[in-house]
């Protein structure tokens, strides 16, 4: 597999409308594998295709509580993801982004979301996520819609080294 270059703001691809995934083929499988390797190498907990210069509706997320050995990380590959339901209750949290390095911001997100997508083989998925996982999904799905977390915050700052796992 390959580690891809992560595109940073103000690159135009981060603001473009992405194209739906229609071919669930070997090229998509390679892109998924490369995105997973890139996300892990960064390190991050999520990565959207525009962040590696590819204008497609594709997101990878790897979520887990590292402090709990009994809770293994879970990998999500989401093609054509969309949020179909979100809670009215919101939670404010600190977010960072691999495409906006060295900055973080406070962002209000829905506490619970339901995401409809397909996996890398075209199988339909429906995922209900709460808390941190819901935040990650919202952040990454924003990317495929040309939205950065900086569009959703009023305060941005440089974090302390241990302040945040970058999304």
N, C-alpha and C. Protein backbone atom coordinates (compact mmCIF):
# COMPACT_ATOMS: atom_id res chain seq x y z
N UNK A 1 0.83 -1.17 0.00
CA UNK A 1 0.00 0.00 0.00
C UNK A 1 0.89 1.24 0.00
N UNK A 2 0.24 2.40 -0.09
CA UNK A 2 1.01 3.64 -0.20
C UNK A 2 0.50 4.68 0.78
N UNK A 3 1.43 5.52 1.23
CA UNK A 3 1.07 6.68 2.03
C UNK A 3 0.89 7.83 1.04
N UNK A 4 -0.29 8.40 1.03
CA UNK A 4 -0.61 9.48 0.11
C UNK A 4 -0.30 10.83 0.75
N UNK A 5 -0.08 11.84 -0.08
CA UNK A 5 0.12 13.20 0.42
C UNK A 5 -1.22 13.74 0.90
N UNK A 6 -1.22 14.37 2.07
CA UNK A 6 -2.43 14.99 2.59
C UNK A 6 -2.48 16.44 2.11
N UNK A 7 -3.59 16.76 1.48
CA UNK A 7 -3.82 18.10 0.94
C UNK A 7 -4.18 19.04 2.09
N UNK A 8 -3.62 20.23 2.08
CA UNK A 8 -3.91 21.19 3.15
C UNK A 8 -4.60 22.44 2.61
N UNK A 9 -5.30 23.11 3.51
CA UNK A 9 -5.98 24.36 3.20
C UNK A 9 -4.93 25.37 2.76
N UNK A 10 -5.17 26.12 1.70
CA UNK A 10 -6.41 26.42 1.01
C UNK A 10 -6.62 25.67 -0.30
N UNK A 11 -6.12 24.45 -0.43
CA UNK A 11 -6.26 23.70 -1.68
C UNK A 11 -7.71 23.67 -2.16
N UNK A 12 -7.89 23.89 -3.43
CA UNK A 12 -9.22 23.97 -4.05
C UNK A 12 -10.03 22.68 -3.89
N UNK A 13 -9.38 21.52 -3.92
CA UNK A 13 -10.09 20.24 -3.84
C UNK A 13 -10.85 20.10 -2.52
N UNK A 14 -10.42 20.79 -1.48
CA UNK A 14 -11.11 20.71 -0.19
C UNK A 14 -12.46 21.42 -0.20
N UNK A 15 -12.70 22.23 -1.21
CA UNK A 15 -13.95 22.99 -1.31
C UNK A 15 -14.84 22.55 -2.47
N UNK A 16 -14.39 21.58 -3.25
CA UNK A 16 -15.15 21.13 -4.42
C UNK A 16 -16.27 20.17 -4.04
N UNK A 17 -17.30 20.16 -4.86
CA UNK A 17 -18.35 19.14 -4.71
C UNK A 17 -17.76 17.82 -5.18
N UNK A 18 -17.91 16.78 -4.37
CA UNK A 18 -17.33 15.49 -4.71
C UNK A 18 -18.29 14.66 -5.56
N UNK A 19 -17.72 13.69 -6.25
CA UNK A 19 -18.52 12.81 -7.11
C UNK A 19 -18.88 11.52 -6.37
N UNK A 20 -20.09 11.01 -6.61
CA UNK A 20 -20.48 9.73 -5.98
C UNK A 20 -19.60 8.58 -6.47
N UNK A 21 -19.45 7.59 -5.63
CA UNK A 21 -18.76 6.35 -6.00
C UNK A 21 -19.77 5.50 -6.78
N UNK A 22 -19.41 5.11 -8.00
CA UNK A 22 -20.29 4.27 -8.81
C UNK A 22 -19.63 2.94 -9.17
N UNK A 23 -18.31 2.91 -9.16
CA UNK A 23 -17.58 1.69 -9.50
C UNK A 23 -16.91 1.13 -8.25
N UNK A 24 -17.38 0.00 -7.82
CA UNK A 24 -16.82 -0.68 -6.64
C UNK A 24 -15.85 -1.74 -7.15
N UNK A 25 -14.69 -1.27 -7.57
CA UNK A 25 -13.73 -2.12 -8.26
C UNK A 25 -12.38 -2.12 -7.57
N UNK A 26 -11.38 -2.68 -8.27
CA UNK A 26 -10.04 -2.77 -7.69
C UNK A 26 -9.41 -1.40 -7.47
N UNK A 27 -9.73 -0.43 -8.33
CA UNK A 27 -9.20 0.92 -8.14
C UNK A 27 -9.72 1.52 -6.84
N UNK A 28 -11.00 1.30 -6.55
CA UNK A 28 -11.57 1.80 -5.30
C UNK A 28 -10.93 1.08 -4.12
N UNK A 29 -10.76 -0.22 -4.23
CA UNK A 29 -10.15 -1.00 -3.15
C UNK A 29 -8.74 -0.48 -2.85
N UNK A 30 -7.97 -0.17 -3.89
CA UNK A 30 -6.61 0.37 -3.69
C UNK A 30 -6.66 1.73 -3.03
N UNK A 31 -7.59 2.60 -3.47
CA UNK A 31 -7.73 3.91 -2.85
C UNK A 31 -8.08 3.77 -1.37
N UNK A 32 -9.00 2.87 -1.05
CA UNK A 32 -9.39 2.64 0.34
C UNK A 32 -8.18 2.20 1.16
N UNK A 33 -7.42 1.23 0.66
CA UNK A 33 -6.24 0.74 1.39
C UNK A 33 -5.22 1.85 1.59
N UNK A 34 -5.00 2.66 0.55
CA UNK A 34 -4.04 3.76 0.65
C UNK A 34 -4.53 4.82 1.64
N UNK A 35 -5.82 5.10 1.65
CA UNK A 35 -6.36 6.08 2.59
C UNK A 35 -6.24 5.59 4.03
N UNK A 36 -6.48 4.30 4.26
CA UNK A 36 -6.34 3.74 5.60
C UNK A 36 -4.89 3.86 6.06
N UNK A 37 -3.95 3.48 5.19
CA UNK A 37 -2.53 3.59 5.53
C UNK A 37 -2.14 5.04 5.83
N UNK A 38 -2.65 5.96 5.02
CA UNK A 38 -2.35 7.38 5.19
C UNK A 38 -2.91 7.90 6.51
N UNK A 39 -4.17 7.54 6.82
CA UNK A 39 -4.80 7.96 8.06
C UNK A 39 -4.01 7.46 9.26
N UNK A 40 -3.61 6.21 9.23
CA UNK A 40 -2.87 5.63 10.35
C UNK A 40 -1.48 6.25 10.49
N UNK A 41 -0.86 6.54 9.36
CA UNK A 41 0.49 7.11 9.37
C UNK A 41 0.48 8.55 9.88
N UNK A 42 -0.60 9.28 9.69
CA UNK A 42 -0.65 10.72 9.95
C UNK A 42 -0.30 11.12 11.39
N UNK A 43 -0.78 10.60 12.47
CA UNK A 43 -1.93 9.71 12.62
C UNK A 43 -3.22 10.52 12.77
N UNK A 44 -4.31 9.91 12.34
CA UNK A 44 -5.63 10.52 12.47
C UNK A 44 -6.65 9.44 12.77
N UNK A 45 -7.88 9.87 13.01
CA UNK A 45 -8.97 8.93 13.27
C UNK A 45 -9.97 8.88 12.12
N UNK A 46 -9.78 9.75 11.13
CA UNK A 46 -10.65 9.77 9.96
C UNK A 46 -9.94 10.47 8.82
N UNK A 47 -10.37 10.14 7.60
CA UNK A 47 -9.80 10.75 6.41
C UNK A 47 -10.83 10.67 5.30
N UNK A 48 -11.02 11.78 4.60
CA UNK A 48 -11.94 11.84 3.46
C UNK A 48 -11.13 11.95 2.18
N UNK A 49 -11.66 11.41 1.10
CA UNK A 49 -10.94 11.40 -0.18
C UNK A 49 -10.42 12.77 -0.62
N UNK A 50 -11.19 13.86 -0.45
CA UNK A 50 -10.63 15.15 -0.86
C UNK A 50 -9.34 15.52 -0.13
N UNK A 51 -9.15 14.97 1.06
CA UNK A 51 -7.94 15.27 1.82
C UNK A 51 -6.69 14.64 1.21
N UNK A 52 -6.89 13.71 0.27
CA UNK A 52 -5.76 13.14 -0.46
C UNK A 52 -5.86 13.50 -1.94
N UNK A 53 -6.62 14.57 -2.21
CA UNK A 53 -6.70 15.11 -3.57
C UNK A 53 -7.66 14.40 -4.50
N UNK A 54 -8.54 13.56 -3.96
CA UNK A 54 -9.49 12.80 -4.77
C UNK A 54 -10.90 13.30 -4.50
N UNK A 55 -11.54 13.83 -5.51
CA UNK A 55 -12.86 14.44 -5.35
C UNK A 55 -13.97 13.39 -5.46
N UNK A 56 -14.00 12.48 -4.48
CA UNK A 56 -15.01 11.41 -4.44
C UNK A 56 -15.64 11.34 -3.07
N UNK A 57 -16.84 10.80 -2.99
CA UNK A 57 -17.57 10.65 -1.73
C UNK A 57 -17.11 9.36 -1.03
N UNK A 58 -15.95 9.46 -0.40
CA UNK A 58 -15.35 8.32 0.27
C UNK A 58 -14.69 8.78 1.56
N UNK A 59 -14.97 8.03 2.64
CA UNK A 59 -14.46 8.36 3.96
C UNK A 59 -13.98 7.07 4.63
N UNK A 60 -12.86 7.16 5.35
CA UNK A 60 -12.44 6.07 6.22
C UNK A 60 -12.32 6.61 7.64
N UNK A 61 -12.73 5.80 8.60
CA UNK A 61 -12.71 6.18 10.01
C UNK A 61 -12.23 4.98 10.81
N UNK A 62 -11.35 5.22 11.76
CA UNK A 62 -10.95 4.16 12.68
C UNK A 62 -11.10 4.69 14.09
N UNK A 63 -11.99 4.05 14.82
CA UNK A 63 -12.39 4.55 16.13
C UNK A 63 -12.16 3.49 17.20
N UNK A 64 -11.67 3.94 18.33
CA UNK A 64 -11.51 3.06 19.47
C UNK A 64 -11.01 3.82 20.66
N UNK A 65 -11.24 3.26 21.81
CA UNK A 65 -10.75 3.87 23.05
C UNK A 65 -9.43 3.20 23.40
N UNK A 66 -8.34 3.88 23.10
CA UNK A 66 -7.02 3.28 23.29
C UNK A 66 -6.74 2.92 24.74
N UNK A 67 -7.37 3.64 25.69
CA UNK A 67 -7.11 3.35 27.09
C UNK A 67 -7.77 2.05 27.53
N UNK A 68 -8.66 1.50 26.70
CA UNK A 68 -9.34 0.26 27.05
C UNK A 68 -8.92 -0.85 26.08
N UNK A 69 -8.05 -1.74 26.54
CA UNK A 69 -7.59 -2.83 25.69
C UNK A 69 -8.73 -3.75 25.26
N UNK A 70 -9.79 -3.81 26.07
CA UNK A 70 -10.90 -4.70 25.74
C UNK A 70 -11.83 -4.11 24.69
N UNK A 71 -11.57 -2.88 24.27
CA UNK A 71 -12.41 -2.22 23.27
C UNK A 71 -11.57 -2.01 22.02
N UNK A 72 -11.55 -2.98 21.10
CA UNK A 72 -10.69 -2.85 19.93
C UNK A 72 -11.16 -1.74 18.99
N UNK A 73 -10.24 -1.23 18.22
CA UNK A 73 -10.60 -0.21 17.23
C UNK A 73 -11.50 -0.83 16.17
N UNK A 74 -12.41 0.00 15.68
CA UNK A 74 -13.31 -0.44 14.63
C UNK A 74 -13.06 0.42 13.40
N UNK A 75 -12.92 -0.22 12.25
CA UNK A 75 -12.64 0.47 11.00
C UNK A 75 -13.93 0.58 10.19
N UNK A 76 -14.21 1.78 9.70
CA UNK A 76 -15.37 2.04 8.86
C UNK A 76 -14.89 2.55 7.52
N UNK A 77 -15.41 1.98 6.44
CA UNK A 77 -15.19 2.49 5.08
C UNK A 77 -16.56 2.88 4.57
N UNK A 78 -16.73 4.16 4.26
CA UNK A 78 -18.04 4.68 3.88
C UNK A 78 -17.96 5.33 2.50
N UNK A 79 -18.61 4.70 1.54
CA UNK A 79 -18.75 5.27 0.21
C UNK A 79 -20.13 5.93 0.14
N UNK A 80 -20.17 7.12 -0.41
CA UNK A 80 -21.42 7.88 -0.57
C UNK A 80 -22.16 8.08 0.75
N UNK A 81 -21.44 8.43 1.82
CA UNK A 81 -22.12 8.57 3.11
C UNK A 81 -22.98 9.83 3.18
N UNK A 82 -24.07 9.70 3.89
CA UNK A 82 -24.90 10.87 4.17
C UNK A 82 -25.53 10.71 5.54
N UNK A 83 -25.68 11.81 6.22
CA UNK A 83 -26.34 11.80 7.53
C UNK A 83 -27.83 11.90 7.26
N UNK A 84 -28.58 10.87 7.70
CA UNK A 84 -30.01 10.84 7.44
C UNK A 84 -30.83 11.22 8.67
N UNK A 85 -30.16 11.26 9.81
CA UNK A 85 -30.84 11.66 11.04
C UNK A 85 -29.79 12.20 12.00
N UNK A 86 -30.15 13.26 12.72
CA UNK A 86 -29.25 13.79 13.75
C UNK A 86 -30.07 14.26 14.93
N UNK A 87 -29.51 14.10 16.11
CA UNK A 87 -30.20 14.51 17.33
C UNK A 87 -30.26 16.03 17.40
N UNK A 88 -31.28 16.52 18.09
CA UNK A 88 -31.34 17.96 18.34
C UNK A 88 -30.31 18.37 19.37
N UNK A 89 -29.98 17.44 20.27
CA UNK A 89 -28.98 17.72 21.29
C UNK A 89 -27.60 17.82 20.65
N UNK A 90 -26.90 18.90 20.96
CA UNK A 90 -25.55 19.07 20.45
C UNK A 90 -24.55 19.06 21.59
N UNK A 91 -23.31 18.81 21.22
CA UNK A 91 -22.21 18.79 22.17
C UNK A 91 -21.07 19.59 21.56
N UNK A 92 -20.48 20.47 22.36
CA UNK A 92 -19.33 21.24 21.90
C UNK A 92 -18.07 20.44 22.19
N UNK A 93 -17.17 20.38 21.22
CA UNK A 93 -15.92 19.66 21.40
C UNK A 93 -14.81 20.26 20.56
N UNK A 94 -13.60 19.95 20.92
CA UNK A 94 -12.43 20.45 20.21
C UNK A 94 -12.12 19.52 19.04
N UNK A 95 -11.93 20.13 17.88
CA UNK A 95 -11.58 19.36 16.67
C UNK A 95 -10.33 19.94 16.03
N UNK A 96 -9.61 19.05 15.39
CA UNK A 96 -8.49 19.43 14.55
C UNK A 96 -8.66 18.71 13.23
N UNK A 97 -7.74 18.94 12.32
CA UNK A 97 -7.89 18.34 10.99
C UNK A 97 -6.51 18.19 10.35
N UNK A 98 -6.31 17.05 9.71
CA UNK A 98 -5.05 16.81 9.02
C UNK A 98 -4.84 17.82 7.88
N UNK A 99 -5.92 18.36 7.35
CA UNK A 99 -5.82 19.33 6.25
C UNK A 99 -5.73 20.77 6.73
N UNK A 100 -5.84 20.98 8.02
CA UNK A 100 -5.67 22.31 8.62
C UNK A 100 -4.69 22.12 9.78
N UNK A 101 -3.42 21.86 9.46
CA UNK A 101 -2.45 21.49 10.51
C UNK A 101 -2.18 22.62 11.50
N UNK A 102 -1.84 22.21 12.70
CA UNK A 102 -1.38 23.11 13.76
C UNK A 102 -2.45 24.02 14.35
N UNK A 103 -3.73 23.75 14.05
CA UNK A 103 -4.82 24.54 14.61
C UNK A 103 -5.93 23.62 15.08
N UNK A 104 -6.69 24.06 16.08
CA UNK A 104 -7.89 23.37 16.52
C UNK A 104 -8.97 24.41 16.75
N UNK A 105 -10.21 23.94 16.87
CA UNK A 105 -11.31 24.84 17.14
C UNK A 105 -12.41 24.12 17.89
N UNK A 106 -13.25 24.88 18.52
CA UNK A 106 -14.38 24.35 19.27
C UNK A 106 -15.60 24.32 18.34
N UNK A 107 -16.21 23.13 18.20
CA UNK A 107 -17.30 22.94 17.24
C UNK A 107 -18.48 22.26 17.92
N UNK A 108 -19.68 22.78 17.67
CA UNK A 108 -20.90 22.13 18.13
C UNK A 108 -21.32 21.09 17.09
N UNK A 109 -21.58 19.87 17.54
CA UNK A 109 -22.02 18.78 16.66
C UNK A 109 -23.19 18.06 17.32
N UNK A 110 -24.00 17.41 16.50
CA UNK A 110 -25.08 16.57 17.03
C UNK A 110 -24.47 15.46 17.87
N UNK A 111 -25.11 15.15 18.99
CA UNK A 111 -24.61 14.09 19.87
C UNK A 111 -24.80 12.72 19.25
N UNK A 112 -25.87 12.54 18.46
CA UNK A 112 -26.17 11.26 17.84
C UNK A 112 -26.50 11.50 16.36
N UNK A 113 -25.95 10.66 15.49
CA UNK A 113 -26.28 10.72 14.06
C UNK A 113 -26.54 9.31 13.54
N UNK A 114 -27.33 9.25 12.49
CA UNK A 114 -27.50 8.02 11.73
C UNK A 114 -26.96 8.29 10.34
N UNK A 115 -26.05 7.42 9.91
CA UNK A 115 -25.38 7.57 8.62
C UNK A 115 -25.79 6.42 7.71
N UNK A 116 -26.14 6.77 6.48
CA UNK A 116 -26.41 5.77 5.45
C UNK A 116 -25.27 5.86 4.44
N UNK A 117 -24.73 4.70 4.06
CA UNK A 117 -23.58 4.65 3.14
C UNK A 117 -23.52 3.27 2.50
N UNK A 118 -22.43 3.06 1.77
CA UNK A 118 -22.10 1.74 1.23
C UNK A 118 -20.68 1.44 1.67
N UNK A 119 -20.37 0.14 1.77
CA UNK A 119 -18.98 -0.20 2.04
C UNK A 119 -18.21 -0.23 0.73
N UNK A 120 -16.94 -0.62 0.77
CA UNK A 120 -16.11 -0.59 -0.44
C UNK A 120 -16.53 -1.62 -1.49
N UNK A 121 -17.45 -2.52 -1.12
CA UNK A 121 -17.94 -3.52 -2.07
C UNK A 121 -19.34 -3.17 -2.60
N UNK A 122 -19.90 -2.05 -2.14
CA UNK A 122 -21.21 -1.61 -2.59
C UNK A 122 -22.36 -2.06 -1.70
N UNK A 123 -22.05 -2.76 -0.61
CA UNK A 123 -23.09 -3.21 0.31
C UNK A 123 -23.64 -2.02 1.11
N UNK A 124 -24.97 -1.93 1.21
CA UNK A 124 -25.61 -0.84 1.94
C UNK A 124 -25.37 -0.96 3.44
N UNK A 125 -25.10 0.18 4.09
CA UNK A 125 -24.86 0.26 5.52
C UNK A 125 -25.75 1.32 6.13
N UNK A 126 -26.12 1.12 7.37
CA UNK A 126 -26.80 2.14 8.15
C UNK A 126 -26.20 2.06 9.55
N UNK A 127 -25.61 3.17 10.01
CA UNK A 127 -24.87 3.18 11.27
C UNK A 127 -25.42 4.28 12.16
N UNK A 128 -25.73 3.93 13.38
CA UNK A 128 -26.12 4.91 14.40
C UNK A 128 -24.90 5.13 15.28
N UNK A 129 -24.48 6.37 15.40
CA UNK A 129 -23.27 6.68 16.16
C UNK A 129 -23.57 7.76 17.20
N UNK A 130 -22.90 7.63 18.35
CA UNK A 130 -23.05 8.60 19.43
C UNK A 130 -21.68 9.13 19.82
N UNK A 131 -21.69 10.30 20.45
CA UNK A 131 -20.49 10.84 21.05
C UNK A 131 -19.37 11.11 20.06
N UNK A 132 -18.18 10.65 20.44
CA UNK A 132 -16.97 10.91 19.65
C UNK A 132 -17.09 10.34 18.24
N UNK A 133 -17.64 9.13 18.10
CA UNK A 133 -17.79 8.55 16.76
C UNK A 133 -18.74 9.39 15.91
N UNK A 134 -19.83 9.88 16.49
CA UNK A 134 -20.75 10.75 15.76
C UNK A 134 -20.03 12.01 15.30
N UNK A 135 -19.18 12.56 16.16
CA UNK A 135 -18.41 13.76 15.80
C UNK A 135 -17.48 13.48 14.63
N UNK A 136 -16.80 12.34 14.66
CA UNK A 136 -15.87 11.99 13.58
C UNK A 136 -16.63 11.85 12.26
N UNK A 137 -17.76 11.13 12.28
CA UNK A 137 -18.55 10.98 11.06
C UNK A 137 -18.98 12.34 10.51
N UNK A 138 -19.47 13.22 11.38
CA UNK A 138 -19.92 14.54 10.91
C UNK A 138 -18.77 15.32 10.31
N UNK A 139 -17.61 15.28 10.94
CA UNK A 139 -16.42 15.99 10.45
C UNK A 139 -16.02 15.48 9.07
N UNK A 140 -15.94 14.17 8.92
CA UNK A 140 -15.49 13.59 7.64
C UNK A 140 -16.53 13.77 6.54
N UNK A 141 -17.79 13.63 6.87
CA UNK A 141 -18.85 13.84 5.85
C UNK A 141 -18.88 15.30 5.43
N UNK A 142 -18.59 16.21 6.36
CA UNK A 142 -18.44 17.62 5.96
C UNK A 142 -17.39 17.75 4.86
N UNK A 143 -16.28 17.04 4.99
CA UNK A 143 -15.21 17.13 3.98
C UNK A 143 -15.71 16.81 2.59
N UNK A 144 -16.53 15.78 2.44
CA UNK A 144 -16.97 15.42 1.09
C UNK A 144 -18.03 16.39 0.56
N UNK A 145 -18.46 17.30 1.43
CA UNK A 145 -19.38 18.35 1.03
C UNK A 145 -18.70 19.72 0.95
N UNK A 146 -17.37 19.72 0.97
CA UNK A 146 -16.60 20.96 0.82
C UNK A 146 -16.60 21.85 2.05
N UNK A 147 -16.88 21.28 3.22
CA UNK A 147 -16.96 22.05 4.46
C UNK A 147 -15.81 21.64 5.38
N UNK A 148 -15.14 22.62 5.95
CA UNK A 148 -14.08 22.37 6.92
C UNK A 148 -14.59 22.73 8.31
N UNK A 149 -14.00 22.14 9.34
CA UNK A 149 -14.44 22.45 10.71
C UNK A 149 -14.29 23.94 11.00
N UNK A 150 -13.35 24.60 10.34
CA UNK A 150 -13.15 26.04 10.55
C UNK A 150 -14.37 26.85 10.12
N UNK A 151 -15.21 26.28 9.26
CA UNK A 151 -16.45 26.94 8.86
C UNK A 151 -17.50 26.89 9.96
N UNK A 152 -17.31 26.01 10.93
CA UNK A 152 -18.31 25.78 11.97
C UNK A 152 -17.88 26.28 13.36
N UNK A 153 -16.76 26.96 13.43
CA UNK A 153 -16.28 27.42 14.74
C UNK A 153 -16.07 28.93 14.74
N UNK A 154 -16.15 29.50 15.92
CA UNK A 154 -15.87 30.93 16.08
C UNK A 154 -14.52 31.16 16.73
N UNK A 155 -13.92 30.10 17.23
CA UNK A 155 -12.62 30.27 17.88
C UNK A 155 -11.66 29.17 17.41
N UNK A 156 -10.49 29.60 17.03
CA UNK A 156 -9.44 28.69 16.56
C UNK A 156 -8.17 29.04 17.30
N UNK A 157 -7.40 28.01 17.70
CA UNK A 157 -6.16 28.26 18.43
C UNK A 157 -5.15 27.18 18.12
N UNK A 158 -3.91 27.42 18.52
CA UNK A 158 -2.86 26.42 18.40
C UNK A 158 -2.89 25.57 19.66
N UNK A 159 -3.03 24.25 19.50
CA UNK A 159 -3.17 23.38 20.67
C UNK A 159 -1.83 23.06 21.32
N UNK A 160 -1.93 22.64 22.58
CA UNK A 160 -0.79 22.04 23.25
C UNK A 160 -0.58 20.66 22.62
N UNK A 161 0.62 20.11 22.63
CA UNK A 161 0.88 18.84 21.96
C UNK A 161 -0.04 17.69 22.37
N UNK A 162 -0.48 17.66 23.61
CA UNK A 162 -1.32 16.55 24.07
C UNK A 162 -2.80 16.89 24.12
N UNK A 163 -3.20 18.01 23.52
CA UNK A 163 -4.57 18.49 23.64
C UNK A 163 -5.59 17.71 22.81
N UNK A 164 -5.16 17.09 21.70
CA UNK A 164 -6.15 16.53 20.80
C UNK A 164 -5.57 15.45 19.92
N UNK A 165 -6.38 14.41 19.69
CA UNK A 165 -6.09 13.47 18.60
C UNK A 165 -6.68 14.11 17.36
N UNK A 166 -5.88 14.32 16.32
CA UNK A 166 -6.36 15.00 15.13
C UNK A 166 -7.38 14.15 14.39
N UNK A 167 -8.45 14.79 13.99
CA UNK A 167 -9.50 14.12 13.20
C UNK A 167 -9.10 14.18 11.76
